[in-house]
C-alpha atoms as a PDB file:
ATOM      1  CA  MET A   1     -16.503  -1.165 -55.581  1.00  0.00           C
ATOM      2  CA  ILE A   2     -14.575  -2.334 -52.508  1.00  0.00           C
ATOM      3  CA  GLY A   3     -14.076   0.334 -49.970  1.00  0.00           C
ATOM      4  CA  ALA A   4     -11.125   0.616 -47.616  1.00  0.00           C
ATOM      5  CA  ALA A   5     -11.140  -1.597 -44.529  1.00  0.00           C
ATOM      6  CA  PRO A   6     -12.752   0.357 -41.423  1.00  0.00           C
ATOM      7  CA  ILE A   7     -10.707   1.613 -38.758  1.00  0.00           C
ATOM      8  CA  ALA A   8     -10.216  -0.669 -35.943  1.00  0.00           C
ATOM      9  CA  VAL A   9     -11.580   0.846 -32.742  1.00  0.00           C
ATOM     10  CA  GLU A  10     -10.099  -0.183 -29.370  1.00  0.00           C
ATOM     11  CA  ILE A  11     -12.676  -0.696 -26.464  1.00  0.00           C
ATOM     12  CA  PRO A  12     -11.542  -0.480 -22.827  1.00  0.00           C
ATOM     13  CA  VAL A  13     -12.393  -3.704 -20.883  1.00  0.00           C
ATOM     14  CA  ALA A  14     -13.848  -1.345 -18.510  1.00  0.00           C
ATOM     15  CA  ALA A  15     -16.351  -0.059 -20.764  1.00  0.00           C
ATOM     16  CA  LEU A  16     -17.865  -3.721 -21.045  1.00  0.00           C
ATOM     17  CA  VAL A  17     -18.150  -3.889 -17.339  1.00  0.00           C
ATOM     18  CA  GLU A  18     -21.067  -2.168 -15.380  1.00  0.00           C
ATOM     19  CA  ARG A  19     -19.773   0.105 -12.826  1.00  0.00           C
ATOM     20  CA  GLU A  20     -20.989  -0.712  -9.206  1.00  0.00           C
ATOM     21  CA  PRO A  21     -19.513   0.108  -5.706  1.00  0.00           C
ATOM     22  CA  VAL A  22     -17.844  -2.800  -3.919  1.00  0.00           C
ATOM     23  CA  THR A  23     -16.405  -3.453  -0.885  1.00  0.00           C
ATOM     24  CA  VAL A  24     -13.143  -5.785  -1.024  1.00  0.00           C
ATOM     25  CA  LEU A  25     -12.784  -7.812   1.922  1.00  0.00           C
ATOM     26  CA  PHE A  26      -9.402  -9.500   2.388  1.00  0.00           C
ATOM     27  CA  SER A  27      -9.019 -11.830   5.347  1.00  0.00           C
ATOM     28  CA  GLN A  28      -6.123 -12.477   7.678  1.00  0.00           C
ATOM     29  CA  LYS A  29      -5.550 -16.137   6.036  1.00  0.00           C
ATOM     30  CA  GLY A  30      -5.596 -14.873   2.451  1.00  0.00           C
ATOM     31  CA  TRP A  31      -9.366 -14.872   1.328  1.00  0.00           C
ATOM     32  CA  ILE A  32     -10.513 -12.319  -0.718  1.00  0.00           C
ATOM     33  CA  ARG A  33     -14.296 -11.515  -1.929  1.00  0.00           C
ATOM     34  CA  ALA A  34     -16.384  -8.358  -3.044  1.00  0.00           C
ATOM     35  CA  VAL A  35     -19.368  -7.178  -1.276  1.00  0.00           C
ATOM     36  CA  LYS A  36     -21.573  -4.731  -3.172  1.00  0.00           C
ATOM     37  CA  GLY A  37     -21.843  -1.102  -1.636  1.00  0.00           C
ATOM     38  CA  HIS A  38     -19.502   0.708   0.195  1.00  0.00           C
ATOM     39  CA  ASN A  39     -21.844   1.114   3.527  1.00  0.00           C
ATOM     40  CA  VAL A  40     -21.138  -2.207   4.339  1.00  0.00           C
ATOM     41  CA  ASN A  41     -21.475  -3.256   8.067  1.00  0.00           C
ATOM     42  CA  LEU A  42     -18.307  -5.009   8.640  1.00  0.00           C
ATOM     43  CA  ALA A  43     -18.995  -6.382  11.904  1.00  0.00           C
ATOM     44  CA  ASP A  44     -21.702  -8.627  10.126  1.00  0.00           C
ATOM     45  CA  GLN A  45     -19.262 -10.330   7.722  1.00  0.00           C
ATOM     46  CA  LYS A  46     -18.515 -13.860   8.436  1.00  0.00           C
ATOM     47  CA  TYR A  47     -15.132 -15.582   7.824  1.00  0.00           C
ATOM     48  CA  LYS A  48     -14.097 -19.091   8.188  1.00  0.00           C
ATOM     49  CA  GLU A  49     -13.423 -20.508  11.724  1.00  0.00           C
ATOM     50  CA  GLY A  50      -9.780 -19.058  12.974  1.00  0.00           C
ATOM     51  CA  ASP A  51     -10.039 -16.385  10.184  1.00  0.00           C
ATOM     52  CA  GLY A  52     -10.928 -12.535  10.390  1.00  0.00           C
ATOM     53  CA  PRO A  53     -10.671  -9.495   8.781  1.00  0.00           C
ATOM     54  CA  ARG A  54      -7.748  -7.710   7.614  1.00  0.00           C
ATOM     55  CA  PHE A  55      -8.324  -5.268   4.934  1.00  0.00           C
ATOM     56  CA  ALA A  56     -11.875  -3.626   3.753  1.00  0.00           C
ATOM     57  CA  VAL A  57     -11.066  -1.598   0.663  1.00  0.00           C
ATOM     58  CA  PRO A  58     -13.699   0.508  -0.991  1.00  0.00           C
ATOM     59  CA  ALA A  59     -13.723   0.150  -4.807  1.00  0.00           C
ATOM     60  CA  GLU A  60     -15.917  -0.209  -8.033  1.00  0.00           C
ATOM     61  CA  THR A  61     -16.243  -3.153 -10.165  1.00  0.00           C
ATOM     62  CA  THR A  62     -14.257  -1.225 -13.133  1.00  0.00           C
ATOM     63  CA  ASP A  63     -11.250  -0.839 -10.720  1.00  0.00           C
ATOM     64  CA  ARG A  64      -7.909  -2.974 -11.170  1.00  0.00           C
ATOM     65  CA  LEU A  65      -6.751  -3.769  -7.777  1.00  0.00           C
ATOM     66  CA  ILE A  66      -3.189  -3.524  -7.029  1.00  0.00           C
ATOM     67  CA  VAL A  67      -1.591  -6.151  -4.621  1.00  0.00           C
ATOM     68  CA  PHE A  68       1.799  -5.534  -2.910  1.00  0.00           C
ATOM     69  CA  GLY A  69       3.332  -8.649  -1.444  1.00  0.00           C
ATOM     70  CA  THR A  70       6.307  -9.212   0.923  1.00  0.00           C
ATOM     71  CA  ASN A  71       8.351 -10.696  -2.192  1.00  0.00           C
ATOM     72  CA  GLY A  72       8.201  -7.019  -3.406  1.00  0.00           C
ATOM     73  CA  ARG A  73       6.174  -7.698  -6.364  1.00  0.00           C
ATOM     74  CA  PHE A  74       2.915  -6.031  -7.425  1.00  0.00           C
ATOM     75  CA  TYR A  75       0.284  -7.962  -8.629  1.00  0.00           C
ATOM     76  CA  THR A  76      -3.401  -6.843 -10.533  1.00  0.00           C
ATOM     77  CA  LEU A  77      -6.861  -8.384  -9.966  1.00  0.00           C
ATOM     78  CA  ALA A  78      -9.800  -7.040 -11.778  1.00  0.00           C
ATOM     79  CA  ALA A  79     -12.724  -6.374  -9.192  1.00  0.00           C
ATOM     80  CA  ASP A  80     -15.193  -7.338 -11.546  1.00  0.00           C
ATOM     81  CA  LYS A  81     -13.706 -11.178 -11.440  1.00  0.00           C
ATOM     82  CA  LEU A  82     -13.494 -11.454  -7.473  1.00  0.00           C
ATOM     83  CA  PRO A  83     -15.832 -14.030  -5.935  1.00  0.00           C
ATOM     84  CA  GLY A  84     -19.133 -12.575  -4.657  1.00  0.00           C
ATOM     85  CA  GLY A  85     -19.952 -11.681  -0.860  1.00  0.00           C
ATOM     86  CA  ARG A  86     -22.547 -14.336  -0.297  1.00  0.00           C
ATOM     87  CA  GLY A  87     -19.779 -16.811   0.129  1.00  0.00           C
ATOM     88  CA  GLN A  88     -16.435 -16.324   2.012  1.00  0.00           C
ATOM     89  CA  GLY A  89     -14.404 -15.903  -0.902  1.00  0.00           C
ATOM     90  CA  GLU A  90     -11.510 -17.809  -2.431  1.00  0.00           C
ATOM     91  CA  PRO A  91      -7.664 -17.913  -1.547  1.00  0.00           C
ATOM     92  CA  ILE A  92      -5.837 -15.057  -3.256  1.00  0.00           C
ATOM     93  CA  ARG A  93      -3.283 -17.115  -4.029  1.00  0.00           C
ATOM     94  CA  LEU A  94      -5.544 -19.020  -6.637  1.00  0.00           C
ATOM     95  CA  MET A  95      -5.397 -15.556  -8.154  1.00  0.00           C
ATOM     96  CA  ILE A  96      -1.853 -14.631  -8.286  1.00  0.00           C
ATOM     97  CA  ASP A  97       1.493 -16.408  -7.731  1.00  0.00           C
ATOM     98  CA  LEU A  98       2.667 -15.490  -4.394  1.00  0.00           C
ATOM     99  CA  PRO A  99       5.003 -18.061  -2.794  1.00  0.00           C
ATOM    100  CA  ASN A 100       3.531 -19.685   0.204  1.00  0.00           C
ATOM    101  CA  GLU A 101       6.488 -18.214   2.172  1.00  0.00           C
ATOM    102  CA  HIS A 102       5.338 -14.589   1.227  1.00  0.00           C
ATOM    103  CA  ASP A 103       2.155 -12.652   2.279  1.00  0.00           C
ATOM    104  CA  ILE A 104       0.354  -9.446   1.322  1.00  0.00           C
ATOM    105  CA  VAL A 105       1.409  -6.159   2.282  1.00  0.00           C
ATOM    106  CA  ALA A 106      -1.125  -3.654   0.763  1.00  0.00           C
ATOM    107  CA  LEU A 107      -4.226  -3.884  -1.163  1.00  0.00           C
ATOM    108  CA  PHE A 108      -5.825  -0.948  -3.083  1.00  0.00           C
ATOM    109  CA  PRO A 109      -7.395   0.183  -6.356  1.00  0.00           C
ATOM    110  CA  TYR A 110      -5.211   1.550  -8.964  1.00  0.00           C
ATOM    111  CA  ARG A 111      -5.694   5.526  -9.485  1.00  0.00           C
ATOM    112  CA  PRO A 112      -3.916   7.287 -12.476  1.00  0.00           C
ATOM    113  CA  GLY A 113      -1.109   9.762 -11.533  1.00  0.00           C
ATOM    114  CA  PHE A 114      -0.618   8.768  -7.986  1.00  0.00           C
ATOM    115  CA  LYS A 115       2.743   7.439  -6.608  1.00  0.00           C
ATOM    116  CA  LEU A 116       3.630   4.924  -3.842  1.00  0.00           C
ATOM    117  CA  LEU A 117       6.506   4.896  -1.358  1.00  0.00           C
ATOM    118  CA  VAL A 118       7.538   1.454  -1.045  1.00  0.00           C
ATOM    119  CA  ALA A 119      10.064  -0.135   1.754  1.00  0.00           C
ATOM    120  CA  SER A 120      11.679  -3.297   3.021  1.00  0.00           C
ATOM    121  CA  ASN A 121      12.075  -4.062   6.948  1.00  0.00           C
ATOM    122  CA  ASP A 122      15.598  -3.249   6.865  1.00  0.00           C
ATOM    123  CA  GLY A 123      14.983   0.448   6.119  1.00  0.00           C
ATOM    124  CA  ARG A 124      15.557   1.148   2.421  1.00  0.00           C
ATOM    125  CA  GLY A 125      12.899   2.098   0.003  1.00  0.00           C
ATOM    126  CA  PHE A 126      11.976   4.558  -2.982  1.00  0.00           C
ATOM    127  CA  LEU A 127       9.088   6.286  -4.930  1.00  0.00           C
ATOM    128  CA  VAL A 128       7.348   4.367  -7.426  1.00  0.00           C
ATOM    129  CA  ASP A 129       4.795   5.646 -10.197  1.00  0.00           C
ATOM    130  CA  GLY A 130       1.711   4.045  -9.939  1.00  0.00           C
ATOM    131  CA  GLU A 131       1.827   2.937 -13.361  1.00  0.00           C
ATOM    132  CA  GLU A 132       4.631   0.825 -12.879  1.00  0.00           C
ATOM    133  CA  ALA A 133       2.777  -1.078 -10.247  1.00  0.00           C
ATOM    134  CA  LEU A 134       0.694  -2.525 -12.760  1.00  0.00           C
ATOM    135  CA  ALA A 135       1.197  -6.048 -13.658  1.00  0.00           C
ATOM    136  CA  GLN A 136      -0.165  -7.782 -16.651  1.00  0.00           C
ATOM    137  CA  THR A 137       0.437 -11.580 -15.445  1.00  0.00           C
ATOM    138  CA  ARG A 138      -0.340 -13.779 -12.725  1.00  0.00           C
ATOM    139  CA  ALA A 139       3.307 -13.603 -11.720  1.00  0.00           C
ATOM    140  CA  GLY A 140       3.022 -10.135 -11.145  1.00  0.00           C
ATOM    141  CA  LYS A 141       6.004  -7.338 -11.526  1.00  0.00           C
ATOM    142  CA  GLN A 142       9.403  -7.297  -9.347  1.00  0.00           C
ATOM    143  CA  VAL A 143       9.744  -3.588  -8.153  1.00  0.00           C
ATOM    144  CA  LEU A 144      11.407  -3.930  -4.791  1.00  0.00           C
ATOM    145  CA  THR A 145      14.260  -6.210  -4.293  1.00  0.00           C
ATOM    146  CA  ALA A 146      15.112  -6.603  -0.693  1.00  0.00           C
ATOM    147  CA  ALA A 147      18.492  -7.788   0.563  1.00  0.00           C
ATOM    148  CA  SER A 148      19.046 -11.105   1.911  1.00  0.00           C
ATOM    149  CA  GLY A 149      17.199 -11.655   4.984  1.00  0.00           C
ATOM    150  CA  ALA A 150      14.708  -8.786   4.667  1.00  0.00           C
ATOM    151  CA  ARG A 151      11.359  -8.617   3.010  1.00  0.00           C
ATOM    152  CA  ALA A 152       8.785  -5.600   1.602  1.00  0.00           C
ATOM    153  CA  ALA A 153       7.272  -4.226   4.407  1.00  0.00           C
ATOM    154  CA  ILE A 154       5.471  -1.036   3.556  1.00  0.00           C
ATOM    155  CA  CYS A 155       3.551   0.528   0.364  1.00  0.00           C
ATOM    156  CA  VAL A 156       1.694   3.568   1.017  1.00  0.00           C
ATOM    157  CA  ALA A 157       0.509   6.748  -1.140  1.00  0.00           C
ATOM    158  CA  ALA A 158       3.109   9.219  -1.355  1.00  0.00           C
ATOM    159  CA  GLY A 159       1.316  12.593  -0.947  1.00  0.00           C
ATOM    160  CA  GLY A 160       2.871  16.149  -0.241  1.00  0.00           C
ATOM    161  CA  ASP A 161       6.827  16.785   0.009  1.00  0.00           C
ATOM    162  CA  THR A 162       8.111  15.364   3.244  1.00  0.00           C
ATOM    163  CA  ALA A 163       8.074  11.737   4.561  1.00  0.00           C
ATOM    164  CA  ALA A 164       8.082  11.153   8.536  1.00  0.00           C
ATOM    165  CA  PHE A 165       9.281   7.863   9.951  1.00  0.00           C
ATOM    166  CA  VAL A 166       8.595   6.622  13.503  1.00  0.00           C
ATOM    167  CA  GLY A 167      10.773   3.240  14.546  1.00  0.00           C
ATOM    168  CA  GLU A 168       9.144   0.549  16.083  1.00  0.00           C
ATOM    169  CA  ASN A 169      10.882   1.409  19.475  1.00  0.00           C
ATOM    170  CA  ALA A 170       8.965   4.663  18.939  1.00  0.00           C
ATOM    171  CA  ALA A 171      12.742   6.285  20.098  1.00  0.00           C
ATOM    172  CA  CYS A 172      13.353   7.998  16.941  1.00  0.00           C
ATOM    173  CA  TRP A 173      11.524  10.435  14.472  1.00  0.00           C
ATOM    174  CA  SER A 174      12.971  11.970  11.300  1.00  0.00           C
ATOM    175  CA  SER A 175      10.974  13.982   9.079  1.00  0.00           C
ATOM    176  CA  ILE A 176      13.097  14.085   5.490  1.00  0.00           C
ATOM    177  CA  SER A 177      12.135  15.347   1.883  1.00  0.00           C
ATOM    178  CA  PRO A 178      11.275  12.415  -0.183  1.00  0.00           C
ATOM    179  CA  LYS A 179      14.468  12.486  -2.267  1.00  0.00           C
ATOM    180  CA  PHE A 180      13.979   8.691  -2.822  1.00  0.00           C
ATOM    181  CA  ARG A 181      15.351   7.616  -6.224  1.00  0.00           C
ATOM    182  CA  ARG A 182      12.723   6.586  -8.807  1.00  0.00           C
ATOM    183  CA  TRP A 183      12.257   3.096  -9.740  1.00  0.00           C
ATOM    184  CA  ARG A 184      15.637   1.939 -11.472  1.00  0.00           C
ATOM    185  CA  ALA A 185      15.826  -1.869 -11.843  1.00  0.00           C
ATOM    186  CA  ALA A 186      14.743  -2.054  -8.448  1.00  0.00           C
ATOM    187  CA  ALA A 187      17.343  -0.446  -6.558  1.00  0.00           C
ATOM    188  CA  ALA A 188      16.627   1.350  -3.227  1.00  0.00           C
ATOM    189  CA  SER A 189      17.838   4.521  -1.427  1.00  0.00           C
ATOM    190  CA  SER A 190      18.224   4.315   2.271  1.00  0.00           C
ATOM    191  CA  CYS A 191      15.460   5.697   4.581  1.00  0.00           C
ATOM    192  CA  SER A 192      16.469   7.693   7.190  1.00  0.00           C
ATOM    193  CA  GLY A 193      16.385   7.331  11.164  1.00  0.00           C
ATOM    194  CA  ILE A 194      15.644   3.508  10.963  1.00  0.00           C
ATOM    195  CA  VAL A 195      17.135   1.017  13.089  1.00  0.00           C
ATOM    196  CA  PRO A 196      17.566  -2.549  11.526  1.00  0.00           C
ATOM    197  CA  ALA A 197      14.541  -4.766  12.081  1.00  0.00           C
ATOM    198  CA  ALA A 198      12.468  -1.936  13.212  1.00  0.00           C
ATOM    199  CA  LEU A 199      10.857  -0.442  10.015  1.00  0.00           C
ATOM    200  CA  PRO A 200       8.619   2.541  10.977  1.00  0.00           C
ATOM    201  CA  THR A 201       5.216   3.336   9.960  1.00  0.00           C
ATOM    202  CA  PRO A 202       5.409   6.435   7.084  1.00  0.00           C
ATOM    203  CA  ARG A 203       3.172   9.619   7.128  1.00  0.00           C
ATOM    204  CA  CYS A 204       3.151  11.638   4.529  1.00  0.00           C
ATOM    205  CA  SER A 205       1.954  15.285   4.581  1.00  0.00           C
ATOM    206  CA  LEU A 206       2.588  18.494   3.182  1.00  0.00           C
ATOM    207  CA  ARG A 207       5.508  20.470   4.909  1.00  0.00           C
ATOM    208  CA  GLN A 208       3.105  23.516   5.851  1.00  0.00           C
ATOM    209  CA  LYS A 209       0.754  21.540   7.565  1.00  0.00           C
ATOM    210  CA  GLY A 210       2.996  19.981   9.821  1.00  0.00           C
ATOM    211  CA  SER A 211       3.154  16.078  10.500  1.00  0.00           C
ATOM    212  CA  ARG A 212       0.136  14.242  12.144  1.00  0.00           C
ATOM    213  CA  GLY A 213       0.062  11.262  14.296  1.00  0.00           C
ATOM    214  CA  GLY A 214      -2.656  10.001  16.293  1.00  0.00           C
ATOM    215  CA  ARG A 215      -2.147  10.513  20.092  1.00  0.00           C
ATOM    216  CA  ALA A 216      -5.190   8.255  20.703  1.00  0.00           C
ATOM    217  CA  LYS A 217      -8.361   6.651  18.654  1.00  0.00           C
ATOM    218  CA  ASN A 218     -10.354   9.488  17.200  1.00  0.00           C
ATOM    219  CA  ARG A 219      -7.694  12.171  18.010  1.00  0.00           C
ATOM    220  CA  THR A 220      -4.723  13.859  16.358  1.00  0.00           C
ATOM    221  CA  ARG A 221      -1.307  15.529  17.176  1.00  0.00           C
ATOM    222  CA  THR A 222      -0.094  18.179  14.749  1.00  0.00           C
ATOM    223  CA  GLU A 223       3.367  19.468  14.757  1.00  0.00           C
ATOM    224  CA  PHE A 224       3.609  22.690  12.743  1.00  0.00           C
ATOM    225  CA  ASP A 225       7.476  22.950  12.783  1.00  0.00           C
ATOM    226  CA  LEU A 226       9.280  20.000  11.558  1.00  0.00           C
ATOM    227  CA  THR A 227      12.588  21.474  12.061  1.00  0.00           C
ATOM    228  CA  PRO A 228      13.944  19.800  15.429  1.00  0.00           C
ATOM    229  CA  TRP A 229      13.160  16.067  13.261  1.00  0.00           C
ATOM    230  CA  ARG A 230      14.504  17.077   9.827  1.00  0.00           C
ATOM    231  CA  GLY A 231      17.606  15.420   9.008  1.00  0.00           C
ATOM    232  CA  ALA A 232      19.289  13.743   6.075  1.00  0.00           C
ATOM    233  CA  ARG A 233      19.334  10.192   4.956  1.00  0.00           C
ATOM    234  CA  GLY A 234      20.892   7.885   7.068  1.00  0.00           C
ATOM    235  CA  ALA A 235      20.822  10.133  10.209  1.00  0.00           C
ATOM    236  CA  ALA A 236      19.965   8.510  13.723  1.00  0.00           C
ATOM    237  CA  GLY A 237      16.785  10.718  14.032  1.00  0.00           C
ATOM    238  CA  ARG A 238      15.514  12.280  17.012  1.00  0.00           C
ATOM    239  CA  SER A 239      13.065  11.437  20.062  1.00  0.00           C
ATOM    240  CA  VAL A 240       9.535  11.868  19.173  1.00  0.00           C
ATOM    241  CA  PRO A 241       7.367  14.767  20.413  1.00  0.00           C
ATOM    242  CA  GLN A 242       6.119  13.971  24.021  1.00  0.00           C
ATOM    243  CA  GLY A 243       2.868  12.490  23.953  1.00  0.00           C
ATOM    244  CA  PHE A 244       3.319  10.830  20.329  1.00  0.00           C
ATOM    245  CA  PRO A 245       1.826   7.578  20.415  1.00  0.00           C
ATOM    246  CA  ALA A 246       3.903   4.116  20.075  1.00  0.00           C
ATOM    247  CA  LEU A 247       3.712   2.951  16.641  1.00  0.00           C
ATOM    248  CA  THR A 248       4.595  -0.380  14.972  1.00  0.00           C
ATOM    249  CA  ALA A 249       5.364  -1.569  11.320  1.00  0.00           C
ATOM    250  CA  SER A 250       1.973  -3.646  11.431  1.00  0.00           C
ATOM    251  CA  ALA A 251       0.119  -0.449  11.705  1.00  0.00           C
ATOM    252  CA  SER A 252       1.086   1.120   8.492  1.00  0.00           C
ATOM    253  CA  ARG A 253      -1.942   2.327   6.730  1.00  0.00           C
ATOM    254  CA  GLN A 254      -2.850   1.524   3.039  1.00  0.00           C
ATOM    255  CA  PRO A 255      -2.644   4.229   0.077  1.00  0.00           C
ATOM    256  CA  ASP A 256      -5.919   6.503   0.139  1.00  0.00           C
END
């Protein structure tokens, strides 16, 4: 007798890849590679003449890496497909369709359930579910559509219930509840306390723990009462606390 056809079993691609720790190195000129292990001496890593380190991201060979560009598009790379650490890697533009006039803002491994805060350099941003950042093709996925003349500039993990923003001129501090709209056809809500062309460095933290900012290297400052700096979206913000460091958009940290 001929029996019923067997039930198809879907095997995740990650199950076919040996899980090993790697450190993904991304250079200033856009070359990418994966070095084995997490305890990598970054000072010993070599780059092409005129190039240097930019991102060093701990990951695993089974990870999907999310790349966010200044064009507001998310791209996805398989960590196990990256060139090894013996050479100097390959240009990331050979792996994704990133226009020459655009650059990389953030690079990090995908983690289920995480949320991201993305923003352009004209001070507009919103929250994105991590799943929405996964792209299926080289062309990536358009998530943030910046206004004419503006570019995507920040992509950070959105944890806690408060987002604090410090302008490049270090003259305003505005702490707001993240009532940003979710991704809806790449429409953005206006961020608070941002002057044009001075996108801040976001710091996301739990309200009860205060907001943290580095006063000097390996030192932190904690403010437990955020009331003086809390404001509605579109407000001008207030001066930063005395001793708070000057921060620039280029100092924005990547998602944890």
